[in-house]
N, C-alpha and C. Protein backbone atom coordinates (compact mmCIF):
# COMPACT_ATOMS: atom_id res chain seq x y z
N UNK A 1 77.84 5.79 -49.83
CA UNK A 1 77.75 4.52 -50.02
C UNK A 1 76.39 4.09 -50.48
N UNK A 2 76.22 3.29 -51.43
CA UNK A 2 75.04 2.76 -52.36
C UNK A 2 74.83 1.31 -51.81
N UNK A 3 73.46 1.30 -51.37
CA UNK A 3 73.04 -0.07 -51.09
C UNK A 3 71.74 -0.39 -51.89
N UNK A 4 71.73 -1.74 -52.19
CA UNK A 4 70.69 -2.47 -53.02
C UNK A 4 69.15 -2.10 -52.25
N UNK A 5 68.24 -2.21 -53.11
CA UNK A 5 66.82 -1.95 -52.55
C UNK A 5 66.67 -3.13 -51.70
N UNK A 6 66.90 -4.07 -51.85
CA UNK A 6 66.64 -5.17 -50.90
C UNK A 6 67.42 -5.19 -49.70
N UNK A 7 68.64 -4.68 -49.66
CA UNK A 7 69.34 -4.49 -48.47
C UNK A 7 68.62 -3.42 -47.62
N UNK A 8 68.29 -2.25 -48.20
CA UNK A 8 67.38 -1.17 -47.56
C UNK A 8 66.04 -1.83 -47.02
N UNK A 9 65.41 -2.65 -47.76
CA UNK A 9 64.23 -3.27 -47.43
C UNK A 9 64.46 -4.21 -46.06
N UNK A 10 65.55 -4.88 -45.99
CA UNK A 10 65.82 -5.67 -44.77
C UNK A 10 66.06 -4.69 -43.68
N UNK A 11 66.88 -3.76 -43.89
CA UNK A 11 67.11 -2.80 -42.84
C UNK A 11 65.85 -2.02 -42.13
N UNK A 12 65.09 -1.63 -43.19
CA UNK A 12 64.03 -0.86 -42.67
C UNK A 12 62.94 -1.73 -42.03
N UNK A 13 62.74 -2.83 -42.57
CA UNK A 13 61.73 -3.85 -42.07
C UNK A 13 62.38 -5.02 -41.89
N UNK A 14 63.08 -5.26 -40.80
CA UNK A 14 63.67 -6.33 -40.68
C UNK A 14 63.04 -7.60 -40.34
N UNK A 15 63.23 -8.79 -40.63
CA UNK A 15 62.60 -10.00 -40.34
C UNK A 15 63.11 -10.85 -39.22
N UNK A 16 62.26 -11.33 -38.44
CA UNK A 16 62.73 -12.12 -37.37
C UNK A 16 63.71 -11.37 -36.28
N UNK A 17 63.36 -10.02 -36.10
CA UNK A 17 64.14 -9.36 -35.16
C UNK A 17 63.56 -9.44 -33.73
N UNK A 18 64.61 -9.71 -32.72
CA UNK A 18 63.99 -9.93 -31.37
C UNK A 18 64.79 -10.86 -30.61
N UNK A 19 64.34 -11.38 -29.53
CA UNK A 19 65.06 -12.34 -28.80
C UNK A 19 64.20 -13.58 -28.54
N UNK A 20 64.60 -14.87 -28.55
CA UNK A 20 63.81 -15.94 -28.27
C UNK A 20 64.21 -16.20 -26.88
N UNK A 21 63.07 -16.33 -25.97
CA UNK A 21 63.26 -16.72 -24.41
C UNK A 21 63.57 -18.25 -24.44
N UNK A 22 64.44 -18.51 -23.66
CA UNK A 22 64.95 -20.03 -23.58
C UNK A 22 65.21 -20.70 -24.81
N UNK A 23 66.14 -19.98 -25.60
CA UNK A 23 66.56 -20.44 -26.84
C UNK A 23 67.51 -21.71 -26.68
N UNK A 24 67.44 -22.41 -27.69
CA UNK A 24 68.34 -23.78 -27.61
C UNK A 24 69.71 -23.62 -27.79
N UNK A 25 69.91 -22.17 -28.45
CA UNK A 25 71.18 -22.04 -29.02
C UNK A 25 71.42 -20.58 -29.11
N UNK A 26 72.57 -19.92 -28.83
CA UNK A 26 72.91 -18.38 -28.99
C UNK A 26 74.12 -18.30 -29.44
N UNK A 27 74.38 -17.55 -30.54
CA UNK A 27 75.82 -17.30 -31.18
C UNK A 27 75.80 -15.78 -31.10
N UNK A 28 76.97 -15.39 -30.43
CA UNK A 28 77.23 -14.02 -30.47
C UNK A 28 78.56 -13.59 -30.98
N UNK A 29 78.56 -12.74 -31.92
CA UNK A 29 79.79 -12.36 -32.71
C UNK A 29 79.89 -10.83 -32.59
N UNK A 30 80.74 -10.13 -32.93
CA UNK A 30 81.18 -8.86 -33.00
C UNK A 30 82.33 -8.51 -33.80
N UNK A 31 82.43 -7.28 -34.20
CA UNK A 31 83.83 -6.78 -34.83
C UNK A 31 84.12 -5.54 -34.31
N UNK A 32 85.40 -5.62 -33.60
CA UNK A 32 85.90 -4.45 -32.83
C UNK A 32 85.97 -3.28 -33.60
N UNK A 33 86.47 -3.31 -34.81
CA UNK A 33 86.90 -1.99 -35.57
C UNK A 33 85.68 -1.43 -36.04
N UNK A 34 84.39 -2.10 -36.35
CA UNK A 34 83.31 -1.07 -36.81
C UNK A 34 82.17 -1.11 -35.65
N UNK A 35 82.32 -2.04 -34.44
CA UNK A 35 81.37 -1.83 -33.51
C UNK A 35 80.14 -2.73 -33.61
N UNK A 36 80.01 -3.53 -34.51
CA UNK A 36 78.79 -4.32 -34.96
C UNK A 36 78.69 -5.50 -33.96
N UNK A 37 77.72 -5.86 -33.12
CA UNK A 37 77.42 -6.87 -32.44
C UNK A 37 75.99 -7.57 -32.81
N UNK A 38 76.23 -8.75 -33.04
CA UNK A 38 75.06 -9.73 -33.37
C UNK A 38 74.92 -10.97 -32.35
N UNK A 39 73.55 -10.90 -32.17
CA UNK A 39 73.19 -12.25 -31.26
C UNK A 39 72.19 -12.95 -32.22
N UNK A 40 72.46 -14.30 -32.36
CA UNK A 40 71.52 -15.18 -33.31
C UNK A 40 70.99 -16.06 -32.22
N UNK A 41 69.71 -16.22 -32.14
CA UNK A 41 68.98 -17.13 -31.14
C UNK A 41 68.28 -18.21 -32.15
N UNK A 42 68.42 -19.40 -31.83
CA UNK A 42 67.57 -20.52 -32.48
C UNK A 42 66.81 -21.53 -31.25
N UNK A 43 65.76 -21.82 -31.85
CA UNK A 43 64.79 -22.89 -31.38
C UNK A 43 65.00 -24.20 -32.26
N UNK A 44 65.23 -25.28 -31.67
CA UNK A 44 65.54 -26.29 -32.66
C UNK A 44 64.21 -27.31 -32.40
N UNK A 45 63.99 -27.99 -33.67
CA UNK A 45 63.12 -28.91 -33.81
C UNK A 45 63.57 -30.01 -34.41
N UNK A 46 62.83 -31.09 -34.83
CA UNK A 46 63.32 -32.48 -35.56
C UNK A 46 62.31 -32.74 -36.42
N UNK A 47 62.94 -33.28 -37.59
CA UNK A 47 62.05 -33.62 -38.78
C UNK A 47 61.62 -35.09 -38.45
N UNK A 48 60.88 -35.69 -39.20
CA UNK A 48 60.26 -37.16 -38.96
C UNK A 48 61.45 -38.19 -38.93
N UNK A 49 62.75 -37.79 -39.67
CA UNK A 49 63.78 -38.63 -39.76
C UNK A 49 64.76 -38.28 -38.56
N UNK A 50 64.25 -37.44 -37.69
CA UNK A 50 65.09 -36.82 -36.45
C UNK A 50 66.34 -36.21 -36.57
N UNK A 51 66.25 -35.45 -37.80
CA UNK A 51 67.22 -34.56 -38.28
C UNK A 51 66.93 -33.30 -37.48
N UNK A 52 67.83 -32.67 -37.06
CA UNK A 52 67.59 -31.33 -36.34
C UNK A 52 67.37 -30.03 -37.33
N UNK A 53 66.40 -29.34 -36.73
CA UNK A 53 66.08 -28.28 -37.80
C UNK A 53 65.96 -26.93 -37.06
N UNK A 54 66.25 -25.90 -37.65
CA UNK A 54 65.92 -24.41 -37.13
C UNK A 54 64.44 -24.22 -37.25
N UNK A 55 63.79 -24.56 -36.10
CA UNK A 55 62.33 -24.45 -36.01
C UNK A 55 62.13 -22.68 -36.02
N UNK A 56 62.94 -22.08 -35.23
CA UNK A 56 62.60 -20.58 -35.28
C UNK A 56 63.95 -19.90 -34.86
N UNK A 57 64.04 -18.81 -35.38
CA UNK A 57 65.46 -18.15 -35.40
C UNK A 57 64.99 -16.67 -35.37
N UNK A 58 65.88 -15.89 -34.49
CA UNK A 58 65.66 -14.36 -34.29
C UNK A 58 66.97 -13.82 -34.01
N UNK A 59 67.04 -12.56 -34.19
CA UNK A 59 68.37 -11.91 -33.90
C UNK A 59 68.32 -10.52 -33.29
N UNK A 60 69.15 -10.03 -32.65
CA UNK A 60 69.50 -8.77 -32.10
C UNK A 60 70.68 -8.24 -32.55
N UNK A 61 70.64 -7.28 -33.20
CA UNK A 61 71.95 -6.68 -33.87
C UNK A 61 72.02 -5.16 -33.53
N UNK A 62 73.30 -4.68 -33.04
CA UNK A 62 73.46 -3.61 -32.89
C UNK A 62 74.52 -3.14 -33.75
N UNK A 63 74.35 -2.29 -34.75
CA UNK A 63 75.37 -2.05 -35.76
C UNK A 63 74.57 -1.08 -37.08
N UNK A 64 75.34 -1.40 -38.16
CA UNK A 64 74.87 -0.28 -39.24
C UNK A 64 73.74 -1.03 -39.97
N UNK A 65 73.29 -0.45 -40.92
CA UNK A 65 72.24 -0.87 -41.88
C UNK A 65 72.77 -2.12 -42.48
N UNK A 66 73.81 -2.23 -42.92
CA UNK A 66 74.25 -3.70 -43.48
C UNK A 66 74.30 -4.86 -42.46
N UNK A 67 74.61 -4.48 -41.33
CA UNK A 67 74.72 -5.39 -40.15
C UNK A 67 73.21 -6.07 -40.03
N UNK A 68 72.27 -5.10 -39.77
CA UNK A 68 71.06 -5.45 -39.48
C UNK A 68 70.33 -5.97 -40.67
N UNK A 69 70.45 -5.64 -42.10
CA UNK A 69 70.13 -6.30 -43.22
C UNK A 69 70.73 -7.68 -43.25
N UNK A 70 72.03 -7.97 -43.04
CA UNK A 70 72.44 -9.27 -43.04
C UNK A 70 71.86 -10.31 -41.89
N UNK A 71 71.80 -9.68 -40.78
CA UNK A 71 71.13 -10.64 -39.73
C UNK A 71 69.65 -11.00 -40.49
N UNK A 72 68.74 -9.94 -40.79
CA UNK A 72 67.69 -10.31 -41.44
C UNK A 72 67.62 -11.37 -42.39
N UNK A 73 68.29 -10.99 -43.34
CA UNK A 73 68.41 -12.01 -44.59
C UNK A 73 68.96 -13.46 -44.13
N UNK A 74 69.93 -13.47 -43.08
CA UNK A 74 70.26 -14.83 -42.79
C UNK A 74 69.16 -15.51 -41.88
N UNK A 75 68.42 -15.10 -41.23
CA UNK A 75 67.28 -15.69 -40.69
C UNK A 75 66.19 -16.13 -41.66
N UNK A 76 66.06 -15.44 -42.72
CA UNK A 76 65.06 -15.78 -43.84
C UNK A 76 65.70 -17.28 -44.58
N UNK A 77 66.93 -17.14 -44.68
CA UNK A 77 67.77 -18.15 -45.23
C UNK A 77 67.64 -19.56 -44.41
N UNK A 78 67.93 -19.26 -42.98
CA UNK A 78 68.07 -20.55 -42.19
C UNK A 78 66.81 -21.16 -41.46
N UNK A 79 65.68 -20.15 -41.50
CA UNK A 79 64.51 -20.90 -40.78
C UNK A 79 64.00 -21.92 -41.66
N UNK A 80 63.74 -23.12 -40.85
CA UNK A 80 63.20 -24.31 -41.46
C UNK A 80 64.34 -25.33 -41.96
N UNK A 81 65.57 -24.71 -42.04
CA UNK A 81 66.45 -25.62 -42.60
C UNK A 81 67.06 -26.61 -41.54
N UNK A 82 67.52 -28.02 -42.02
CA UNK A 82 68.19 -28.84 -41.23
C UNK A 82 69.42 -28.06 -40.81
N UNK A 83 70.11 -28.65 -39.68
CA UNK A 83 71.50 -28.15 -39.42
C UNK A 83 72.53 -28.20 -40.55
N UNK A 84 72.15 -29.29 -41.28
CA UNK A 84 73.23 -29.48 -42.32
C UNK A 84 72.84 -28.35 -43.13
N UNK A 85 71.74 -28.15 -43.75
CA UNK A 85 71.37 -26.99 -44.73
C UNK A 85 71.80 -25.63 -44.13
N UNK A 86 71.56 -25.44 -42.90
CA UNK A 86 71.72 -23.95 -42.29
C UNK A 86 73.42 -23.89 -42.49
N UNK A 87 74.18 -24.88 -41.95
CA UNK A 87 75.53 -24.69 -41.76
C UNK A 87 76.09 -24.55 -43.28
N UNK A 88 75.45 -24.93 -44.22
CA UNK A 88 75.86 -24.63 -45.62
C UNK A 88 75.81 -22.91 -46.25
N UNK A 89 75.00 -22.61 -45.41
CA UNK A 89 74.75 -21.06 -45.75
C UNK A 89 75.96 -20.15 -45.61
N UNK A 90 76.36 -19.54 -46.70
CA UNK A 90 77.76 -18.85 -46.71
C UNK A 90 77.54 -17.31 -46.68
N UNK A 91 78.41 -16.63 -46.44
CA UNK A 91 78.37 -15.05 -46.59
C UNK A 91 77.93 -14.65 -48.03
N UNK A 92 78.40 -15.35 -49.05
CA UNK A 92 77.98 -15.19 -50.34
C UNK A 92 76.38 -15.31 -50.53
N UNK A 93 75.87 -16.39 -50.01
CA UNK A 93 74.35 -16.55 -50.07
C UNK A 93 73.83 -15.24 -49.37
N UNK A 94 74.26 -14.76 -48.26
CA UNK A 94 73.75 -13.65 -47.54
C UNK A 94 73.73 -12.38 -48.61
N UNK A 95 74.79 -12.19 -49.05
CA UNK A 95 75.04 -11.03 -49.93
C UNK A 95 73.96 -11.15 -51.17
N UNK A 96 73.90 -12.39 -51.68
CA UNK A 96 73.10 -12.46 -52.61
C UNK A 96 71.42 -12.44 -52.27
N UNK A 97 71.17 -12.80 -51.17
CA UNK A 97 69.94 -12.49 -50.55
C UNK A 97 69.58 -10.98 -50.42
N UNK A 98 70.57 -10.32 -50.20
CA UNK A 98 70.70 -8.68 -50.12
C UNK A 98 70.60 -8.19 -51.34
N UNK A 99 70.55 -8.81 -52.33
CA UNK A 99 70.48 -8.23 -53.83
C UNK A 99 71.74 -8.12 -54.29
N UNK A 100 72.77 -8.83 -53.88
CA UNK A 100 74.17 -8.77 -54.54
C UNK A 100 75.07 -7.80 -54.42
N UNK A 101 74.40 -6.60 -53.95
CA UNK A 101 75.25 -5.37 -54.06
C UNK A 101 75.41 -4.70 -52.75
N UNK A 102 76.46 -5.36 -52.03
CA UNK A 102 76.84 -4.92 -50.68
C UNK A 102 78.15 -4.19 -50.94
N UNK A 103 78.35 -3.02 -50.45
CA UNK A 103 79.63 -2.33 -50.58
C UNK A 103 80.79 -3.22 -49.99
N UNK A 104 81.82 -3.16 -50.78
CA UNK A 104 82.94 -3.99 -50.10
C UNK A 104 83.38 -3.80 -48.66
N UNK A 105 83.30 -2.33 -48.12
CA UNK A 105 83.73 -2.12 -46.80
C UNK A 105 82.55 -2.67 -45.73
N UNK A 106 81.34 -3.07 -46.21
CA UNK A 106 80.41 -3.80 -45.62
C UNK A 106 80.01 -5.12 -45.63
N UNK A 107 80.94 -5.80 -46.46
CA UNK A 107 80.94 -7.27 -46.88
C UNK A 107 81.07 -7.96 -45.42
N UNK A 108 81.84 -7.41 -44.48
CA UNK A 108 82.14 -8.29 -43.27
C UNK A 108 80.92 -8.62 -42.41
N UNK A 109 79.78 -7.83 -42.72
CA UNK A 109 78.78 -7.89 -42.01
C UNK A 109 77.96 -9.26 -42.37
N UNK A 110 78.04 -9.76 -43.73
CA UNK A 110 77.52 -11.07 -43.93
C UNK A 110 78.23 -12.14 -43.32
N UNK A 111 79.77 -11.86 -43.11
CA UNK A 111 80.62 -12.84 -42.51
C UNK A 111 80.17 -12.85 -40.99
N UNK A 112 80.06 -11.93 -40.37
CA UNK A 112 79.41 -12.03 -38.89
C UNK A 112 78.12 -12.80 -38.90
N UNK A 113 77.24 -12.50 -39.67
CA UNK A 113 75.93 -13.15 -39.83
C UNK A 113 76.30 -14.71 -39.88
N UNK A 114 76.97 -15.10 -41.06
CA UNK A 114 77.21 -16.49 -41.00
C UNK A 114 78.04 -17.35 -39.93
N UNK A 115 79.08 -16.46 -39.12
CA UNK A 115 79.48 -16.94 -38.01
C UNK A 115 78.43 -16.88 -36.91
N UNK A 116 77.64 -15.99 -36.73
CA UNK A 116 76.67 -16.04 -35.58
C UNK A 116 75.83 -17.30 -35.76
N UNK A 117 75.47 -17.62 -36.85
CA UNK A 117 74.49 -18.75 -36.94
C UNK A 117 75.27 -20.13 -36.40
N UNK A 118 76.69 -20.08 -36.96
CA UNK A 118 77.50 -21.37 -36.65
C UNK A 118 77.62 -21.32 -35.33
N UNK A 119 77.81 -20.35 -34.64
CA UNK A 119 78.07 -20.30 -33.10
C UNK A 119 76.58 -20.75 -32.32
N UNK A 120 75.54 -20.28 -32.75
CA UNK A 120 74.37 -20.54 -32.27
C UNK A 120 74.16 -22.15 -32.27
N UNK A 121 74.51 -22.75 -33.49
CA UNK A 121 74.31 -24.20 -33.74
C UNK A 121 75.26 -25.09 -32.75
N UNK A 122 76.43 -24.59 -32.96
CA UNK A 122 77.56 -24.96 -31.82
C UNK A 122 77.18 -24.89 -30.50
N UNK A 123 76.44 -23.93 -29.88
CA UNK A 123 76.17 -23.66 -28.59
C UNK A 123 75.02 -24.66 -28.32
N UNK A 124 74.21 -24.98 -29.16
CA UNK A 124 73.10 -25.86 -28.81
C UNK A 124 73.66 -27.39 -28.76
N UNK A 125 74.74 -27.61 -29.90
CA UNK A 125 75.21 -28.82 -29.81
C UNK A 125 76.13 -29.35 -28.54
N UNK A 126 76.83 -28.16 -27.96
CA UNK A 126 77.50 -28.29 -26.69
C UNK A 126 76.70 -28.55 -25.55
N UNK A 127 75.46 -28.09 -25.57
CA UNK A 127 74.43 -28.26 -24.52
C UNK A 127 74.07 -29.73 -24.50
N UNK A 128 74.07 -30.27 -25.90
CA UNK A 128 73.55 -31.74 -26.06
C UNK A 128 74.59 -32.63 -25.82
N UNK A 129 75.89 -32.19 -25.37
CA UNK A 129 76.99 -33.18 -25.16
C UNK A 129 77.65 -33.40 -26.51
N UNK A 130 77.63 -32.72 -27.62
CA UNK A 130 78.25 -33.09 -28.89
C UNK A 130 79.64 -32.49 -28.77
């Protein structure tokens, strides 16, 4: 299996790896077939216009190189964005962030990362009464 240099860089030196204590939202996703499990943690802030933003984001991923890299890339893409901007991040954006060369059998890792972020935001919103 061939991975891009950027994917391998995210795997070897992941960004924003870890847990946020007292996270405002947590999204947990997994794939039974491959065994990948991701937890995405977010801390929420507000802009001067009162739009909710992802002030901080971290991840814990148990999985293959592509799963860890996708989690890392997702956090780079989402950090500092408003919820609107973060929810617009797609699996294709994550693949592009990883150098655009993700083996087809590993493409599902970017889908998991996208779903994990959406679940973390939904978890936060449910706690706010949305």
